[in-house]
C-alpha atoms as a PDB file:
ATOM      1  CA  MET A   1      18.342  29.714 164.056  1.00  0.00           C
ATOM      2  CA  GLU A   2      21.253  28.912 162.928  1.00  0.00           C
ATOM      3  CA  ASN A   3      21.141  25.321 162.395  1.00  0.00           C
ATOM      4  CA  ARG A   4      18.811  22.278 163.051  1.00  0.00           C
ATOM      5  CA  ASN A   5      19.997  18.313 163.925  1.00  0.00           C
ATOM      6  CA  PHE A   6      18.127  15.586 163.527  1.00  0.00           C
ATOM      7  CA  GLN A   7      17.731  11.833 162.740  1.00  0.00           C
ATOM      8  CA  MET A   8      17.031  10.067 159.863  1.00  0.00           C
ATOM      9  CA  ASP A   9      16.802   5.983 160.126  1.00  0.00           C
ATOM     10  CA  THR A  10      19.983   6.125 162.854  1.00  0.00           C
ATOM     11  CA  GLN A  11      22.104   8.507 160.890  1.00  0.00           C
ATOM     12  CA  TRP A  12      22.121  12.118 161.945  1.00  0.00           C
ATOM     13  CA  ASN A  13      21.461  15.468 159.591  1.00  0.00           C
ATOM     14  CA  ILE A  14      22.442  19.123 159.657  1.00  0.00           C
ATOM     15  CA  ILE A  15      20.341  21.936 157.746  1.00  0.00           C
ATOM     16  CA  HIS A  16      22.164  25.120 157.610  1.00  0.00           C
ATOM     17  CA  TYR A  17      19.950  28.540 158.048  1.00  0.00           C
ATOM     18  CA  PRO A  18      20.993  31.814 155.855  1.00  0.00           C
ATOM     19  CA  GLU A  19      19.635  35.187 157.583  1.00  0.00           C
ATOM     20  CA  LYS A  20      18.244  35.746 154.194  1.00  0.00           C
ATOM     21  CA  PRO A  21      16.678  33.026 152.401  1.00  0.00           C
ATOM     22  CA  THR A  22      16.637  33.401 148.361  1.00  0.00           C
ATOM     23  CA  GLY A  23      14.927  29.621 148.298  1.00  0.00           C
ATOM     24  CA  PHE A  24      17.795  27.631 146.780  1.00  0.00           C
ATOM     25  CA  GLY A  25      18.953  24.242 148.905  1.00  0.00           C
ATOM     26  CA  ILE A  26      22.553  22.556 149.017  1.00  0.00           C
ATOM     27  CA  LEU A  27      23.113  19.315 149.591  1.00  0.00           C
ATOM     28  CA  ILE A  28      26.211  19.118 150.544  1.00  0.00           C
ATOM     29  CA  ILE A  29      27.921  15.556 150.443  1.00  0.00           C
ATOM     30  CA  GLY A  30      30.689  14.810 152.236  1.00  0.00           C
ATOM     31  CA  ASP A  31      34.013  12.888 151.123  1.00  0.00           C
ATOM     32  CA  GLU A  32      35.850  10.663 153.648  1.00  0.00           C
ATOM     33  CA  ARG A  33      35.974  12.478 156.910  1.00  0.00           C
ATOM     34  CA  HIS A  34      32.631  13.745 156.828  1.00  0.00           C
ATOM     35  CA  PHE A  35      30.593  13.341 159.321  1.00  0.00           C
ATOM     36  CA  VAL A  36      27.205  14.337 161.314  1.00  0.00           C
ATOM     37  CA  ASP A  37      26.619  14.377 164.673  1.00  0.00           C
ATOM     38  CA  GLU A  38      23.778  15.824 166.625  1.00  0.00           C
ATOM     39  CA  SER A  39      25.521  19.245 167.362  1.00  0.00           C
ATOM     40  CA  LYS A  40      27.777  19.738 164.562  1.00  0.00           C
ATOM     41  CA  CYS A  41      29.466  18.241 161.099  1.00  0.00           C
ATOM     42  CA  PHE A  42      32.993  18.032 159.174  1.00  0.00           C
ATOM     43  CA  TRP A  43      31.627  21.311 157.375  1.00  0.00           C
ATOM     44  CA  THR A  44      31.685  23.493 160.858  1.00  0.00           C
ATOM     45  CA  GLN A  45      34.923  22.131 161.753  1.00  0.00           C
ATOM     46  CA  ASN A  46      37.043  21.961 159.066  1.00  0.00           C
ATOM     47  CA  GLU A  47      38.071  25.994 158.652  1.00  0.00           C
ATOM     48  CA  GLY A  48      38.418  26.132 154.509  1.00  0.00           C
ATOM     49  CA  LYS A  49      35.108  24.178 154.546  1.00  0.00           C
ATOM     50  CA  GLN A  50      33.343  26.467 157.026  1.00  0.00           C
ATOM     51  CA  ALA A  51      34.365  29.669 155.470  1.00  0.00           C
ATOM     52  CA  ILE A  52      32.708  28.462 152.105  1.00  0.00           C
ATOM     53  CA  ILE A  53      29.119  27.636 154.474  1.00  0.00           C
ATOM     54  CA  ASN A  54      29.292  31.183 155.545  1.00  0.00           C
ATOM     55  CA  GLU A  55      29.612  32.148 151.805  1.00  0.00           C
ATOM     56  CA  LEU A  56      26.506  29.659 150.552  1.00  0.00           C
ATOM     57  CA  LYS A  57      24.819  31.294 154.079  1.00  0.00           C
ATOM     58  CA  ASP A  58      25.191  34.950 152.642  1.00  0.00           C
ATOM     59  CA  ALA A  59      24.011  34.196 149.594  1.00  0.00           C
ATOM     60  CA  GLY A  60      21.033  32.943 150.725  1.00  0.00           C
ATOM     61  CA  TYR A  61      21.534  29.386 150.208  1.00  0.00           C
ATOM     62  CA  THR A  62      19.741  26.613 153.114  1.00  0.00           C
ATOM     63  CA  ILE A  63      22.122  24.268 153.307  1.00  0.00           C
ATOM     64  CA  PHE A  64      21.647  20.813 154.014  1.00  0.00           C
ATOM     65  CA  SER A  65      24.154  17.382 154.608  1.00  0.00           C
ATOM     66  CA  SER A  66      23.825  13.699 155.738  1.00  0.00           C
ATOM     67  CA  ASN A  67      26.234  11.600 157.868  1.00  0.00           C
ATOM     68  CA  LEU A  68      25.132   8.701 155.403  1.00  0.00           C
ATOM     69  CA  TYR A  69      26.365   6.373 156.854  1.00  0.00           C
ATOM     70  CA  GLY A  70      30.082   7.414 157.318  1.00  0.00           C
ATOM     71  CA  ARG A  71      32.231   5.595 154.690  1.00  0.00           C
ATOM     72  CA  ASN A  72      29.087   4.587 152.321  1.00  0.00           C
ATOM     73  CA  TRP A  73      31.611   4.408 149.245  1.00  0.00           C
ATOM     74  CA  GLY A  74      28.397   5.047 147.086  1.00  0.00           C
ATOM     75  CA  SER A  75      26.277   2.463 148.931  1.00  0.00           C
ATOM     76  CA  GLU A  76      22.565   1.904 148.055  1.00  0.00           C
ATOM     77  CA  ASN A  77      22.009   2.610 151.598  1.00  0.00           C
ATOM     78  CA  ALA A  78      23.726   6.084 151.327  1.00  0.00           C
ATOM     79  CA  VAL A  79      22.000   7.010 147.807  1.00  0.00           C
ATOM     80  CA  GLU A  80      18.571   6.167 149.844  1.00  0.00           C
ATOM     81  CA  LEU A  81      18.774   7.779 152.679  1.00  0.00           C
ATOM     82  CA  ALA A  82      20.422  10.684 150.930  1.00  0.00           C
ATOM     83  CA  GLN A  83      17.004  10.526 148.481  1.00  0.00           C
ATOM     84  CA  ARG A  84      15.070  11.240 151.718  1.00  0.00           C
ATOM     85  CA  LEU A  85      16.959  13.569 153.310  1.00  0.00           C
ATOM     86  CA  TYR A  86      16.053  15.397 150.309  1.00  0.00           C
ATOM     87  CA  GLN A  87      12.276  14.487 150.455  1.00  0.00           C
ATOM     88  CA  HIS A  88      12.358  15.809 154.380  1.00  0.00           C
ATOM     89  CA  VAL A  89      13.924  19.218 153.328  1.00  0.00           C
ATOM     90  CA  ILE A  90      11.953  20.111 150.492  1.00  0.00           C
ATOM     91  CA  ARG A  91       8.643  18.984 152.805  1.00  0.00           C
ATOM     92  CA  SER A  92       9.770  21.579 155.940  1.00  0.00           C
ATOM     93  CA  GLU A  93      11.453  24.115 154.818  1.00  0.00           C
ATOM     94  CA  ILE A  94      10.108  26.648 152.579  1.00  0.00           C
ATOM     95  CA  LEU A  95      12.585  25.790 148.792  1.00  0.00           C
ATOM     96  CA  ASN A  96      12.596  25.428 145.668  1.00  0.00           C
ATOM     97  CA  ASN A  97      11.369  22.240 144.600  1.00  0.00           C
ATOM     98  CA  LYS A  98      15.658  21.634 142.172  1.00  0.00           C
ATOM     99  CA  ILE A  99      18.436  21.475 144.637  1.00  0.00           C
ATOM    100  CA  HIS A 100      21.981  22.142 143.555  1.00  0.00           C
ATOM    101  CA  VAL A 101      24.319  19.100 144.807  1.00  0.00           C
ATOM    102  CA  LEU A 102      28.099  20.103 146.281  1.00  0.00           C
ATOM    103  CA  ALA A 103      29.336  17.127 146.393  1.00  0.00           C
ATOM    104  CA  GLU A 104      33.283  16.038 147.360  1.00  0.00           C
ATOM    105  CA  GLY A 105      35.694  13.005 147.341  1.00  0.00           C
ATOM    106  CA  MET A 106      33.928   9.731 148.088  1.00  0.00           C
ATOM    107  CA  GLY A 107      30.604  12.090 147.897  1.00  0.00           C
ATOM    108  CA  ALA A 108      30.833  12.432 143.793  1.00  0.00           C
ATOM    109  CA  LEU A 109      29.813   7.958 144.266  1.00  0.00           C
ATOM    110  CA  VAL A 110      26.068   9.228 145.252  1.00  0.00           C
ATOM    111  CA  ALA A 111      26.239  12.315 143.779  1.00  0.00           C
ATOM    112  CA  VAL A 112      26.340  10.651 140.228  1.00  0.00           C
ATOM    113  CA  LYS A 113      23.156   7.792 141.273  1.00  0.00           C
ATOM    114  CA  LEU A 114      21.141  10.291 143.232  1.00  0.00           C
ATOM    115  CA  LEU A 115      21.371  12.525 139.499  1.00  0.00           C
ATOM    116  CA  GLU A 116      20.198   8.905 137.588  1.00  0.00           C
ATOM    117  CA  LYS A 117      17.276   8.672 140.534  1.00  0.00           C
ATOM    118  CA  MET A 118      16.176  12.198 141.185  1.00  0.00           C
ATOM    119  CA  LYS A 119      16.193  13.199 137.723  1.00  0.00           C
ATOM    120  CA  GLY A 120      14.074  16.683 137.310  1.00  0.00           C
ATOM    121  CA  SER A 121      14.751  17.185 140.954  1.00  0.00           C
ATOM    122  CA  ILE A 122      18.370  18.178 140.871  1.00  0.00           C
ATOM    123  CA  ARG A 123      19.284  21.669 139.248  1.00  0.00           C
ATOM    124  CA  SER A 124      23.105  21.863 138.812  1.00  0.00           C
ATOM    125  CA  VAL A 125      26.386  19.940 140.326  1.00  0.00           C
ATOM    126  CA  VAL A 126      29.774  20.661 141.442  1.00  0.00           C
ATOM    127  CA  LEU A 127      31.746  18.009 141.879  1.00  0.00           C
ATOM    128  CA  LEU A 128      35.401  18.733 144.206  1.00  0.00           C
ATOM    129  CA  ASN A 129      38.376  16.643 143.867  1.00  0.00           C
ATOM    130  CA  PRO A 130      35.625  14.137 143.020  1.00  0.00           C
ATOM    131  CA  ILE A 131      35.846   9.477 143.014  1.00  0.00           C
ATOM    132  CA  LEU A 132      34.620   9.600 139.621  1.00  0.00           C
ATOM    133  CA  SER A 133      35.499   5.328 139.344  1.00  0.00           C
ATOM    134  CA  LEU A 134      35.419   2.859 142.117  1.00  0.00           C
ATOM    135  CA  LYS A 135      37.606   0.392 140.087  1.00  0.00           C
ATOM    136  CA  HIS A 136      39.937   2.991 139.361  1.00  0.00           C
ATOM    137  CA  HIS A 137      40.239   4.009 143.024  1.00  0.00           C
ATOM    138  CA  LEU A 138      41.008   0.787 144.574  1.00  0.00           C
ATOM    139  CA  GLU A 139      43.670   0.242 141.421  1.00  0.00           C
ATOM    140  CA  GLN A 140      45.591   2.949 142.823  1.00  0.00           C
ATOM    141  CA  GLU A 141      45.351   1.249 146.490  1.00  0.00           C
ATOM    142  CA  LYS A 142      46.333  -2.334 145.369  1.00  0.00           C
ATOM    143  CA  GLU A 143      49.604  -0.573 145.871  1.00  0.00           C
ATOM    144  CA  HIS A 144      49.787   0.447 149.027  1.00  0.00           C
ATOM    145  CA  LYS A 145      48.529  -2.957 150.785  1.00  0.00           C
ATOM    146  CA  PHE A 146      47.450  -1.005 154.352  1.00  0.00           C
ATOM    147  CA  PHE A 147      45.195   1.323 152.505  1.00  0.00           C
ATOM    148  CA  TYR A 148      43.143  -1.587 150.155  1.00  0.00           C
ATOM    149  CA  LYS A 149      43.048  -3.603 153.627  1.00  0.00           C
ATOM    150  CA  LYS A 150      41.926  -0.076 154.857  1.00  0.00           C
ATOM    151  CA  LEU A 151      39.453   0.299 152.245  1.00  0.00           C
ATOM    152  CA  MET A 152      38.191  -3.241 151.612  1.00  0.00           C
ATOM    153  CA  ARG A 153      37.047  -3.581 155.396  1.00  0.00           C
ATOM    154  CA  GLU A 154      35.136  -0.197 154.702  1.00  0.00           C
ATOM    155  CA  LEU A 155      34.075  -1.114 151.565  1.00  0.00           C
ATOM    156  CA  ILE A 156      32.765  -4.735 152.132  1.00  0.00           C
ATOM    157  CA  ALA A 157      30.479  -2.433 155.397  1.00  0.00           C
ATOM    158  CA  ALA A 158      28.860  -0.053 152.534  1.00  0.00           C
ATOM    159  CA  HIS A 159      27.726  -2.301 150.986  1.00  0.00           C
ATOM    160  CA  GLN A 160      27.139  -5.429 152.433  1.00  0.00           C
ATOM    161  CA  LEU A 161      29.097  -7.933 150.549  1.00  0.00           C
ATOM    162  CA  ASP A 162      31.909 -10.581 151.260  1.00  0.00           C
ATOM    163  CA  GLN A 163      35.201  -9.860 149.968  1.00  0.00           C
ATOM    164  CA  SER A 164      34.952 -11.418 147.058  1.00  0.00           C
ATOM    165  CA  THR A 165      32.278 -10.987 144.913  1.00  0.00           C
ATOM    166  CA  LEU A 166      33.134  -7.520 145.978  1.00  0.00           C
ATOM    167  CA  GLU A 167      36.362  -6.885 144.676  1.00  0.00           C
ATOM    168  CA  ASN A 168      34.583  -9.138 141.458  1.00  0.00           C
ATOM    169  CA  GLU A 169      31.822  -6.513 140.686  1.00  0.00           C
ATOM    170  CA  ILE A 170      34.255  -3.196 140.919  1.00  0.00           C
ATOM    171  CA  PHE A 171      37.282  -4.627 139.161  1.00  0.00           C
ATOM    172  CA  ASN A 172      34.399  -5.836 135.914  1.00  0.00           C
ATOM    173  CA  MET A 173      32.751  -2.011 136.392  1.00  0.00           C
ATOM    174  CA  GLU A 174      33.295   0.713 134.062  1.00  0.00           C
ATOM    175  CA  GLU A 175      36.278   2.709 133.792  1.00  0.00           C
ATOM    176  CA  MET A 176      34.265   5.707 134.820  1.00  0.00           C
ATOM    177  CA  VAL A 177      30.971   6.312 135.996  1.00  0.00           C
ATOM    178  CA  HIS A 178      28.813   7.627 132.394  1.00  0.00           C
ATOM    179  CA  LEU A 179      28.462  12.186 132.955  1.00  0.00           C
ATOM    180  CA  ASP A 180      25.542  12.377 130.610  1.00  0.00           C
ATOM    181  CA  PHE A 181      22.886  13.507 132.558  1.00  0.00           C
ATOM    182  CA  ASP A 182      20.527  16.527 132.362  1.00  0.00           C
ATOM    183  CA  CYS A 183      21.383  19.644 134.486  1.00  0.00           C
ATOM    184  CA  PRO A 184      24.548  20.929 134.538  1.00  0.00           C
ATOM    185  CA  ILE A 185      27.557  19.319 135.692  1.00  0.00           C
ATOM    186  CA  ARG A 186      30.964  21.338 137.138  1.00  0.00           C
ATOM    187  CA  ILE A 187      34.245  19.678 138.153  1.00  0.00           C
ATOM    188  CA  ILE A 188      37.344  21.390 140.801  1.00  0.00           C
ATOM    189  CA  GLN A 189      40.254  19.463 141.236  1.00  0.00           C
ATOM    190  CA  VAL A 190      42.485  21.299 142.787  1.00  0.00           C
ATOM    191  CA  LEU A 191      45.517  20.518 141.915  1.00  0.00           C
ATOM    192  CA  ALA A 192      47.521  19.132 144.545  1.00  0.00           C
ATOM    193  CA  GLY A 193      49.705  15.642 145.022  1.00  0.00           C
ATOM    194  CA  GLY A 194      47.609  13.333 146.636  1.00  0.00           C
ATOM    195  CA  ARG A 195      44.871   9.397 146.065  1.00  0.00           C
ATOM    196  CA  SER A 196      42.414  11.982 144.732  1.00  0.00           C
ATOM    197  CA  TYR A 197      44.151  14.072 141.617  1.00  0.00           C
ATOM    198  CA  THR A 198      45.838  10.218 140.926  1.00  0.00           C
ATOM    199  CA  GLN A 199      42.568  10.125 138.913  1.00  0.00           C
ATOM    200  CA  SER A 200      43.375  13.237 136.732  1.00  0.00           C
ATOM    201  CA  LYS A 201      43.595  10.870 133.623  1.00  0.00           C
ATOM    202  CA  LEU A 202      39.873   9.994 133.438  1.00  0.00           C
ATOM    203  CA  TYR A 203      39.547  14.080 133.085  1.00  0.00           C
ATOM    204  CA  GLN A 204      40.973  13.649 129.668  1.00  0.00           C
ATOM    205  CA  LYS A 205      37.901  11.493 128.632  1.00  0.00           C
ATOM    206  CA  ILE A 206      35.863  14.416 130.481  1.00  0.00           C
ATOM    207  CA  LEU A 207      37.225  16.944 128.366  1.00  0.00           C
ATOM    208  CA  ASN A 208      35.606  15.592 125.665  1.00  0.00           C
ATOM    209  CA  THR A 209      32.173  15.663 127.381  1.00  0.00           C
ATOM    210  CA  PRO A 210      30.507  18.795 126.572  1.00  0.00           C
ATOM    211  CA  LYS A 211      28.412  19.033 129.070  1.00  0.00           C
ATOM    212  CA  ILE A 212      31.020  18.761 131.882  1.00  0.00           C
ATOM    213  CA  ASP A 213      32.513  21.969 132.853  1.00  0.00           C
ATOM    214  CA  PRO A 214      35.921  20.943 134.846  1.00  0.00           C
ATOM    215  CA  THR A 215      38.071  23.638 136.017  1.00  0.00           C
ATOM    216  CA  PHE A 216      41.326  23.099 137.797  1.00  0.00           C
ATOM    217  CA  ILE A 217      42.476  25.181 140.553  1.00  0.00           C
ATOM    218  CA  LEU A 218      46.084  25.671 142.485  1.00  0.00           C
ATOM    219  CA  PRO A 219      45.922  24.984 146.070  1.00  0.00           C
ATOM    220  CA  GLU A 220      46.320  28.638 146.850  1.00  0.00           C
ATOM    221  CA  LYS A 221      43.351  29.529 145.470  1.00  0.00           C
ATOM    222  CA  LYS A 222      41.262  27.895 147.789  1.00  0.00           C
ATOM    223  CA  PRO A 223      39.901  30.282 149.086  1.00  0.00           C
ATOM    224  CA  GLN A 224      38.248  31.067 146.046  1.00  0.00           C
ATOM    225  CA  LEU A 225      36.211  28.050 146.501  1.00  0.00           C
ATOM    226  CA  GLY A 226      33.317  29.089 148.064  1.00  0.00           C
ATOM    227  CA  THR A 227      32.724  32.144 145.089  1.00  0.00           C
ATOM    228  CA  MET A 228      33.598  29.795 142.304  1.00  0.00           C
ATOM    229  CA  VAL A 229      30.746  27.594 143.432  1.00  0.00           C
ATOM    230  CA  ILE A 230      28.120  30.537 144.449  1.00  0.00           C
ATOM    231  CA  LYS A 231      28.601  32.014 140.519  1.00  0.00           C
ATOM    232  CA  PHE A 232      28.676  28.523 139.134  1.00  0.00           C
ATOM    233  CA  PHE A 233      24.668  27.628 141.200  1.00  0.00           C
ATOM    234  CA  ASN A 234      23.377  31.782 140.295  1.00  0.00           C
ATOM    235  CA  SER A 235      24.052  30.550 136.722  1.00  0.00           C
ATOM    236  CA  HIS A 236      21.429  28.180 136.821  1.00  0.00           C
ATOM    237  CA  GLU A 237      18.930  29.978 138.847  1.00  0.00           C
ATOM    238  CA  SER A 238      16.530  31.590 135.992  1.00  0.00           C
ATOM    239  CA  VAL A 239      14.644  29.331 134.960  1.00  0.00           C
ATOM    240  CA  LEU A 240      12.683  28.659 138.236  1.00  0.00           C
END
């Protein structure tokens, strides 16, 4: 069996099985485009992401992911469901209790909250082109009225708050999430144009955080992402 799709709280989830499992699991938390349905997911539909999945499976990793209510923007519902998915997978599969997390874009907002709530259950984390500040992201979008309105609709739906309450909460947030956690974290930023890269000035603060391992790569190096992720995860598996 290559993968198994199942539902939790109306949301589809998927587990990808390797041929030769090592007993280590990876939770993938996707970006704005991510989805999981009854038969497929974004990471198997996108050529570049499929290549990473294949490399991770070849390395023996069991990979699991959830739809997480679509464009959740780090909502508590999404964080809670990700925790429940972890518990389900650990109960149903033969895996080490400490998992790796691979989060992209918006998914970093969920990943950081999981780091707080699941202390001792997360082995290491890779954040790919992460959105590390919802406040900064919203401020950037204010320059583009169409995108701002669209983003606000998504945030209202995800966090179930009215616009004025939501804007007030977000703009009173700190500039950046705290990444001072017990487990190793690597940030990989692809140096290309686009809205996620506009946050790169925040990385100057990250560079001064000893526990963070930032890596910047050019777009033509993207085929090496799978190898980079595997090498980082492997380096944190000596202690079971």
